[in-house]
Amino acid sequence: MYCRFCKNLYISSAIKDPARVKWKLKHGAGQLMVYVVARSEVNDGQLDVIHAVNLKQAYYRAHPVYVYGLAQTMRGAMRIVTRIAEEAVVRGYGGELLRYLEDRDERTPHPSPSVTPSPPGERLSRSLLVIVS
């Protein structure tokens, strides 16, 4: 197994067949047009955006990543990270994105949210830029 998935996976609307993408990622099959939002492997880190091709390395078979989101582009993956950050702030978690995601997974399951594109010209607030970076 190359990766594990949270219960309430964020899936970009550009991902046409999420079940197939998940199966391929889980089994180490190639996915050229997919980025994952995953739990960071850095001690103090929170989330990493990883191109799915990197997940084919033998390292990930022994150390599967925990995936919170799927997107077709880096921009789409960053939208997912932004959405997670916004939801965490609104629900009182501040910059504790992993704690928010863990608590979210423990709550009653609901359908996976899809990420809606940001309106043109929309800018992130300064506090979200600090959280995301």
N, C-alpha and C. Protein backbone atom coordinates (compact mmCIF):
# COMPACT_ATOMS: atom_id res chain seq x y z
N MET A 1 0.85 -1.17 0.00
CA MET A 1 0.00 0.00 0.00
C MET A 1 0.90 1.24 0.00
N TYR A 2 0.64 2.15 -0.91
CA TYR A 2 1.46 3.36 -1.06
C TYR A 2 0.85 4.58 -0.36
N CYS A 3 -0.44 4.52 -0.10
CA CYS A 3 -1.07 5.63 0.62
C CYS A 3 -2.38 5.15 1.24
N ARG A 4 -2.80 5.92 2.26
CA ARG A 4 -4.08 5.69 2.92
C ARG A 4 -4.89 6.97 2.77
N PHE A 5 -6.19 6.87 2.86
CA PHE A 5 -7.06 8.03 2.63
C PHE A 5 -7.92 8.31 3.85
N CYS A 6 -8.12 9.60 4.13
CA CYS A 6 -9.02 9.99 5.20
C CYS A 6 -10.45 9.66 4.78
N LYS A 7 -11.34 9.59 5.76
CA LYS A 7 -12.74 9.26 5.47
C LYS A 7 -13.41 10.31 4.60
N ASN A 8 -13.15 11.58 4.90
CA ASN A 8 -13.81 12.69 4.21
C ASN A 8 -12.82 13.38 3.29
N LEU A 9 -12.47 12.70 2.23
CA LEU A 9 -11.46 13.16 1.29
C LEU A 9 -11.93 14.38 0.51
N TYR A 10 -11.06 15.37 0.40
CA TYR A 10 -11.33 16.53 -0.46
C TYR A 10 -10.95 16.13 -1.88
N ILE A 11 -11.86 16.31 -2.81
CA ILE A 11 -11.60 15.91 -4.19
C ILE A 11 -11.92 17.08 -5.11
N SER A 12 -10.93 17.49 -5.87
CA SER A 12 -11.11 18.57 -6.84
C SER A 12 -12.13 18.13 -7.89
N SER A 13 -12.90 19.08 -8.37
CA SER A 13 -13.91 18.77 -9.40
C SER A 13 -13.26 18.30 -10.70
N ALA A 14 -11.97 18.54 -10.88
CA ALA A 14 -11.27 18.11 -12.09
C ALA A 14 -10.97 16.61 -12.09
N ILE A 15 -11.06 15.97 -10.94
CA ILE A 15 -10.83 14.53 -10.85
C ILE A 15 -12.13 13.84 -11.29
N LYS A 16 -12.07 13.17 -12.43
CA LYS A 16 -13.29 12.61 -13.03
C LYS A 16 -13.72 11.27 -12.44
N ASP A 17 -12.77 10.43 -12.03
CA ASP A 17 -13.10 9.11 -11.50
C ASP A 17 -12.32 8.89 -10.20
N PRO A 18 -12.79 9.50 -9.10
CA PRO A 18 -12.04 9.43 -7.83
C PRO A 18 -11.76 8.01 -7.35
N ALA A 19 -12.70 7.10 -7.52
CA ALA A 19 -12.50 5.72 -7.05
C ALA A 19 -11.32 5.07 -7.77
N ARG A 20 -11.23 5.29 -9.06
CA ARG A 20 -10.13 4.72 -9.84
C ARG A 20 -8.80 5.37 -9.46
N VAL A 21 -8.79 6.68 -9.28
CA VAL A 21 -7.57 7.40 -8.89
C VAL A 21 -7.10 6.87 -7.53
N LYS A 22 -8.03 6.72 -6.59
CA LYS A 22 -7.67 6.21 -5.26
C LYS A 22 -7.08 4.81 -5.36
N TRP A 23 -7.70 3.94 -6.15
CA TRP A 23 -7.21 2.58 -6.30
C TRP A 23 -5.79 2.59 -6.86
N LYS A 24 -5.57 3.38 -7.90
CA LYS A 24 -4.24 3.43 -8.51
C LYS A 24 -3.20 3.97 -7.54
N LEU A 25 -3.55 5.00 -6.80
CA LEU A 25 -2.60 5.55 -5.83
C LEU A 25 -2.30 4.54 -4.73
N LYS A 26 -3.31 3.87 -4.26
CA LYS A 26 -3.16 2.89 -3.18
C LYS A 26 -2.24 1.74 -3.59
N HIS A 27 -2.29 1.38 -4.88
CA HIS A 27 -1.52 0.24 -5.36
C HIS A 27 -0.24 0.63 -6.10
N GLY A 28 0.12 1.90 -6.09
CA GLY A 28 1.38 2.32 -6.68
C GLY A 28 1.38 2.42 -8.20
N ALA A 29 0.21 2.47 -8.81
CA ALA A 29 0.13 2.63 -10.26
C ALA A 29 0.35 4.10 -10.62
N GLY A 30 0.86 4.35 -11.78
CA GLY A 30 1.18 5.72 -12.19
C GLY A 30 -0.03 6.62 -12.37
N GLN A 31 0.11 7.84 -11.91
CA GLN A 31 -0.92 8.86 -12.07
C GLN A 31 -0.19 10.15 -12.43
N LEU A 32 -0.10 10.45 -13.72
CA LEU A 32 0.68 11.61 -14.15
C LEU A 32 0.01 12.94 -13.87
N MET A 33 -1.29 12.98 -13.81
CA MET A 33 -2.00 14.24 -13.66
C MET A 33 -2.71 14.36 -12.32
N VAL A 34 -2.07 13.90 -11.25
CA VAL A 34 -2.70 13.96 -9.93
C VAL A 34 -1.69 14.46 -8.90
N TYR A 35 -2.18 15.35 -8.05
CA TYR A 35 -1.43 15.82 -6.89
C TYR A 35 -2.22 15.42 -5.66
N VAL A 36 -1.52 15.05 -4.59
CA VAL A 36 -2.19 14.71 -3.35
C VAL A 36 -1.84 15.74 -2.28
N VAL A 37 -2.81 16.02 -1.43
CA VAL A 37 -2.58 16.82 -0.23
C VAL A 37 -2.49 15.79 0.89
N ALA A 38 -1.30 15.70 1.51
CA ALA A 38 -1.05 14.64 2.47
C ALA A 38 -0.49 15.19 3.77
N ARG A 39 -0.59 14.38 4.81
CA ARG A 39 0.02 14.70 6.11
C ARG A 39 1.52 14.83 5.88
N SER A 40 2.10 15.89 6.42
CA SER A 40 3.52 16.13 6.26
C SER A 40 4.34 15.09 7.01
N GLU A 41 5.47 14.73 6.45
CA GLU A 41 6.37 13.80 7.12
C GLU A 41 7.40 14.55 7.97
N VAL A 42 7.39 15.86 7.92
CA VAL A 42 8.27 16.69 8.72
C VAL A 42 7.66 16.79 10.12
N ASN A 43 8.47 16.69 11.16
CA ASN A 43 7.96 16.68 12.54
C ASN A 43 6.99 17.81 12.84
N ASP A 44 7.35 19.04 12.53
CA ASP A 44 6.48 20.19 12.84
C ASP A 44 5.63 20.61 11.66
N GLY A 45 5.67 19.86 10.57
CA GLY A 45 4.90 20.21 9.38
C GLY A 45 3.44 19.85 9.53
N GLN A 46 2.64 20.32 8.60
CA GLN A 46 1.21 20.00 8.63
C GLN A 46 0.79 19.26 7.37
N LEU A 47 0.82 19.94 6.24
CA LEU A 47 0.38 19.33 4.99
C LEU A 47 1.46 19.49 3.92
N ASP A 48 1.57 18.48 3.07
CA ASP A 48 2.45 18.53 1.91
C ASP A 48 1.60 18.35 0.67
N VAL A 49 2.02 18.98 -0.41
CA VAL A 49 1.42 18.73 -1.72
C VAL A 49 2.47 17.93 -2.49
N ILE A 50 2.08 16.73 -2.92
CA ILE A 50 3.02 15.81 -3.56
C ILE A 50 2.45 15.38 -4.91
N HIS A 51 3.29 15.43 -5.94
CA HIS A 51 2.87 14.90 -7.24
C HIS A 51 2.80 13.38 -7.11
N ALA A 52 1.76 12.78 -7.64
CA ALA A 52 1.50 11.35 -7.47
C ALA A 52 2.62 10.48 -8.02
N VAL A 53 3.36 10.93 -8.99
CA VAL A 53 4.46 10.14 -9.53
C VAL A 53 5.48 9.83 -8.44
N ASN A 54 5.68 10.76 -7.52
CA ASN A 54 6.62 10.54 -6.42
C ASN A 54 6.20 9.40 -5.51
N LEU A 55 4.91 9.11 -5.46
CA LEU A 55 4.40 8.06 -4.58
C LEU A 55 4.72 6.66 -5.09
N LYS A 56 5.27 6.55 -6.28
CA LYS A 56 5.65 5.24 -6.82
C LYS A 56 6.96 4.73 -6.24
N GLN A 57 7.67 5.58 -5.51
CA GLN A 57 8.95 5.17 -4.92
C GLN A 57 8.74 4.09 -3.87
N ALA A 58 9.72 3.20 -3.76
CA ALA A 58 9.63 2.08 -2.82
C ALA A 58 9.45 2.56 -1.38
N TYR A 59 9.99 3.72 -1.07
CA TYR A 59 9.86 4.28 0.28
C TYR A 59 8.40 4.35 0.72
N TYR A 60 7.52 4.77 -0.19
CA TYR A 60 6.11 4.95 0.17
C TYR A 60 5.37 3.63 0.33
N ARG A 61 5.92 2.56 -0.21
CA ARG A 61 5.30 1.25 0.03
C ARG A 61 5.48 0.86 1.50
N ALA A 62 6.64 1.18 2.06
CA ALA A 62 6.91 0.88 3.46
C ALA A 62 6.36 1.96 4.40
N HIS A 63 6.23 3.19 3.89
CA HIS A 63 5.76 4.32 4.69
C HIS A 63 4.65 5.05 3.93
N PRO A 64 3.45 4.48 3.87
CA PRO A 64 2.38 5.10 3.08
C PRO A 64 2.00 6.49 3.62
N VAL A 65 1.73 7.41 2.71
CA VAL A 65 1.30 8.75 3.11
C VAL A 65 -0.19 8.71 3.43
N TYR A 66 -0.62 9.63 4.29
CA TYR A 66 -2.03 9.75 4.65
C TYR A 66 -2.59 10.92 3.85
N VAL A 67 -3.51 10.64 2.95
CA VAL A 67 -3.99 11.62 1.98
C VAL A 67 -5.30 12.25 2.44
N TYR A 68 -5.34 13.60 2.37
CA TYR A 68 -6.54 14.36 2.70
C TYR A 68 -7.24 14.92 1.47
N GLY A 69 -6.51 15.03 0.34
CA GLY A 69 -7.12 15.62 -0.84
C GLY A 69 -6.48 15.16 -2.13
N LEU A 70 -7.27 15.21 -3.21
CA LEU A 70 -6.81 14.87 -4.55
C LEU A 70 -7.13 16.00 -5.50
N ALA A 71 -6.16 16.36 -6.33
CA ALA A 71 -6.38 17.42 -7.32
C ALA A 71 -5.63 17.06 -8.60
N GLN A 72 -6.04 17.68 -9.69
CA GLN A 72 -5.40 17.40 -10.97
C GLN A 72 -4.18 18.30 -11.21
N THR A 73 -4.13 19.44 -10.55
CA THR A 73 -3.02 20.38 -10.74
C THR A 73 -2.50 20.85 -9.38
N MET A 74 -1.31 21.44 -9.41
CA MET A 74 -0.76 22.02 -8.19
C MET A 74 -1.68 23.13 -7.69
N ARG A 75 -2.21 23.92 -8.61
CA ARG A 75 -3.13 24.99 -8.23
C ARG A 75 -4.38 24.43 -7.54
N GLY A 76 -4.90 23.34 -8.09
CA GLY A 76 -6.06 22.70 -7.47
C GLY A 76 -5.74 22.18 -6.08
N ALA A 77 -4.54 21.63 -5.91
CA ALA A 77 -4.13 21.15 -4.59
C ALA A 77 -4.00 22.31 -3.61
N MET A 78 -3.48 23.43 -4.06
CA MET A 78 -3.36 24.60 -3.20
C MET A 78 -4.74 25.15 -2.83
N ARG A 79 -5.71 25.02 -3.74
CA ARG A 79 -7.09 25.41 -3.41
C ARG A 79 -7.64 24.54 -2.27
N ILE A 80 -7.31 23.26 -2.32
CA ILE A 80 -7.75 22.37 -1.25
C ILE A 80 -7.11 22.78 0.07
N VAL A 81 -5.81 23.06 0.06
CA VAL A 81 -5.13 23.49 1.28
C VAL A 81 -5.75 24.78 1.80
N THR A 82 -6.04 25.70 0.89
CA THR A 82 -6.67 26.97 1.29
C THR A 82 -8.04 26.72 1.90
N ARG A 83 -8.81 25.83 1.29
CA ARG A 83 -10.14 25.52 1.83
C ARG A 83 -10.04 24.91 3.22
N ILE A 84 -9.09 23.99 3.39
CA ILE A 84 -8.89 23.38 4.71
C ILE A 84 -8.54 24.45 5.73
N ALA A 85 -7.63 25.36 5.36
CA ALA A 85 -7.22 26.43 6.27
C ALA A 85 -8.40 27.33 6.62
N GLU A 86 -9.20 27.70 5.63
CA GLU A 86 -10.37 28.55 5.88
C GLU A 86 -11.36 27.85 6.81
N GLU A 87 -11.63 26.57 6.56
CA GLU A 87 -12.57 25.83 7.41
C GLU A 87 -12.03 25.73 8.84
N ALA A 88 -10.73 25.48 8.98
CA ALA A 88 -10.13 25.37 10.32
C ALA A 88 -10.26 26.67 11.09
N VAL A 89 -10.02 27.79 10.41
CA VAL A 89 -10.12 29.10 11.07
C VAL A 89 -11.56 29.37 11.49
N VAL A 90 -12.51 29.11 10.60
CA VAL A 90 -13.92 29.36 10.89
C VAL A 90 -14.39 28.52 12.07
N ARG A 91 -13.88 27.31 12.18
CA ARG A 91 -14.32 26.41 13.26
C ARG A 91 -13.48 26.53 14.53
N GLY A 92 -12.61 27.54 14.58
CA GLY A 92 -11.86 27.84 15.80
C GLY A 92 -10.56 27.08 16.00
N TYR A 93 -10.04 26.46 14.96
CA TYR A 93 -8.79 25.72 15.09
C TYR A 93 -7.57 26.58 14.76
N GLY A 94 -7.80 27.77 14.28
CA GLY A 94 -6.67 28.64 13.91
C GLY A 94 -5.82 27.96 12.85
N GLY A 95 -4.54 27.91 13.10
CA GLY A 95 -3.61 27.30 12.15
C GLY A 95 -3.34 25.83 12.38
N GLU A 96 -4.12 25.18 13.25
CA GLU A 96 -3.91 23.76 13.54
C GLU A 96 -4.70 22.90 12.54
N LEU A 97 -4.17 22.83 11.34
CA LEU A 97 -4.88 22.15 10.26
C LEU A 97 -5.00 20.65 10.50
N LEU A 98 -3.93 20.02 10.97
CA LEU A 98 -4.00 18.57 11.21
C LEU A 98 -5.00 18.22 12.30
N ARG A 99 -5.02 19.02 13.37
CA ARG A 99 -5.99 18.75 14.44
C ARG A 99 -7.41 18.89 13.91
N TYR A 100 -7.63 19.92 13.09
CA TYR A 100 -8.95 20.11 12.47
C TYR A 100 -9.32 18.89 11.61
N LEU A 101 -8.39 18.44 10.76
CA LEU A 101 -8.68 17.32 9.88
C LEU A 101 -8.91 16.03 10.66
N GLU A 102 -8.14 15.80 11.72
CA GLU A 102 -8.34 14.61 12.54
C GLU A 102 -9.70 14.64 13.22
N ASP A 103 -10.07 15.80 13.80
CA ASP A 103 -11.38 15.92 14.44
C ASP A 103 -12.50 15.77 13.41
N ARG A 104 -12.30 16.31 12.23
CA ARG A 104 -13.29 16.23 11.16
C ARG A 104 -13.54 14.78 10.76
N ASP A 105 -12.46 13.98 10.71
CA ASP A 105 -12.60 12.58 10.35
C ASP A 105 -13.32 11.78 11.43
N GLU A 106 -13.19 12.20 12.68
CA GLU A 106 -13.83 11.48 13.78
C GLU A 106 -15.32 11.77 13.88
N ARG A 107 -15.74 12.93 13.35
CA ARG A 107 -17.16 13.28 13.38
C ARG A 107 -17.95 12.40 12.44
N THR A 108 -19.26 12.54 12.46
CA THR A 108 -20.14 11.75 11.61
C THR A 108 -19.72 11.89 10.15
N PRO A 109 -19.54 10.75 9.46
CA PRO A 109 -19.13 10.82 8.06
C PRO A 109 -20.17 11.54 7.20
N HIS A 110 -19.71 12.26 6.23
CA HIS A 110 -20.58 12.92 5.26
C HIS A 110 -19.89 12.83 3.91
N PRO A 111 -20.60 13.11 2.83
CA PRO A 111 -20.01 12.97 1.50
C PRO A 111 -18.76 13.85 1.37
N SER A 112 -17.82 13.37 0.58
CA SER A 112 -16.59 14.13 0.33
C SER A 112 -16.92 15.47 -0.30
N PRO A 113 -16.37 16.55 0.25
CA PRO A 113 -16.63 17.85 -0.34
C PRO A 113 -15.85 18.00 -1.64
N SER A 114 -16.42 18.69 -2.59
CA SER A 114 -15.65 19.01 -3.79
C SER A 114 -15.19 20.46 -3.65
N VAL A 115 -14.10 20.74 -4.27
CA VAL A 115 -13.52 22.08 -4.15
C VAL A 115 -14.06 22.94 -5.27
N THR A 116 -14.62 24.07 -4.91
CA THR A 116 -15.13 24.98 -5.91
C THR A 116 -14.03 25.98 -6.27
N PRO A 117 -13.92 26.33 -7.53
CA PRO A 117 -12.87 27.26 -7.92
C PRO A 117 -13.09 28.63 -7.29
N SER A 118 -11.99 29.29 -6.97
CA SER A 118 -12.07 30.64 -6.42
C SER A 118 -12.48 31.61 -7.52
N PRO A 119 -13.25 32.64 -7.17
CA PRO A 119 -13.61 33.63 -8.17
C PRO A 119 -12.36 34.34 -8.68
N PRO A 120 -12.36 34.78 -9.95
CA PRO A 120 -11.20 35.48 -10.49
C PRO A 120 -10.88 36.71 -9.65
N GLY A 121 -9.61 36.93 -9.43
CA GLY A 121 -9.18 38.11 -8.70
C GLY A 121 -9.27 37.98 -7.19
N GLU A 122 -9.77 36.84 -6.68
CA GLU A 122 -9.88 36.67 -5.24
C GLU A 122 -8.48 36.50 -4.65
N ARG A 123 -8.22 37.15 -3.55
CA ARG A 123 -6.92 37.05 -2.90
C ARG A 123 -7.10 36.43 -1.53
N LEU A 124 -6.07 35.74 -1.09
CA LEU A 124 -6.09 35.17 0.25
C LEU A 124 -5.72 36.24 1.25
N SER A 125 -6.26 36.13 2.45
CA SER A 125 -5.88 37.07 3.49
C SER A 125 -4.45 36.78 3.92
N ARG A 126 -3.81 37.73 4.52
CA ARG A 126 -2.41 37.57 4.93
C ARG A 126 -2.26 36.42 5.91
N SER A 127 -3.21 36.25 6.82
CA SER A 127 -3.10 35.18 7.81
C SER A 127 -3.15 33.81 7.15
N LEU A 128 -3.95 33.65 6.11
CA LEU A 128 -4.00 32.36 5.42
C LEU A 128 -2.71 32.09 4.66
N LEU A 129 -2.09 33.09 4.13
CA LEU A 129 -0.83 32.89 3.44
C LEU A 129 0.21 32.37 4.42
N VAL A 130 0.20 32.86 5.62
CA VAL A 130 1.15 32.40 6.63
C VAL A 130 0.84 30.95 6.99
N ILE A 131 -0.42 30.59 7.12
CA ILE A 131 -0.80 29.24 7.48
C ILE A 131 -0.43 28.27 6.37
N VAL A 132 -0.67 28.63 5.13
CA VAL A 132 -0.44 27.74 3.99
C VAL A 132 1.04 27.55 3.72
N SER A 133 1.83 28.58 3.88
CA SER A 133 3.25 28.48 3.51
C SER A 133 4.07 27.67 4.45
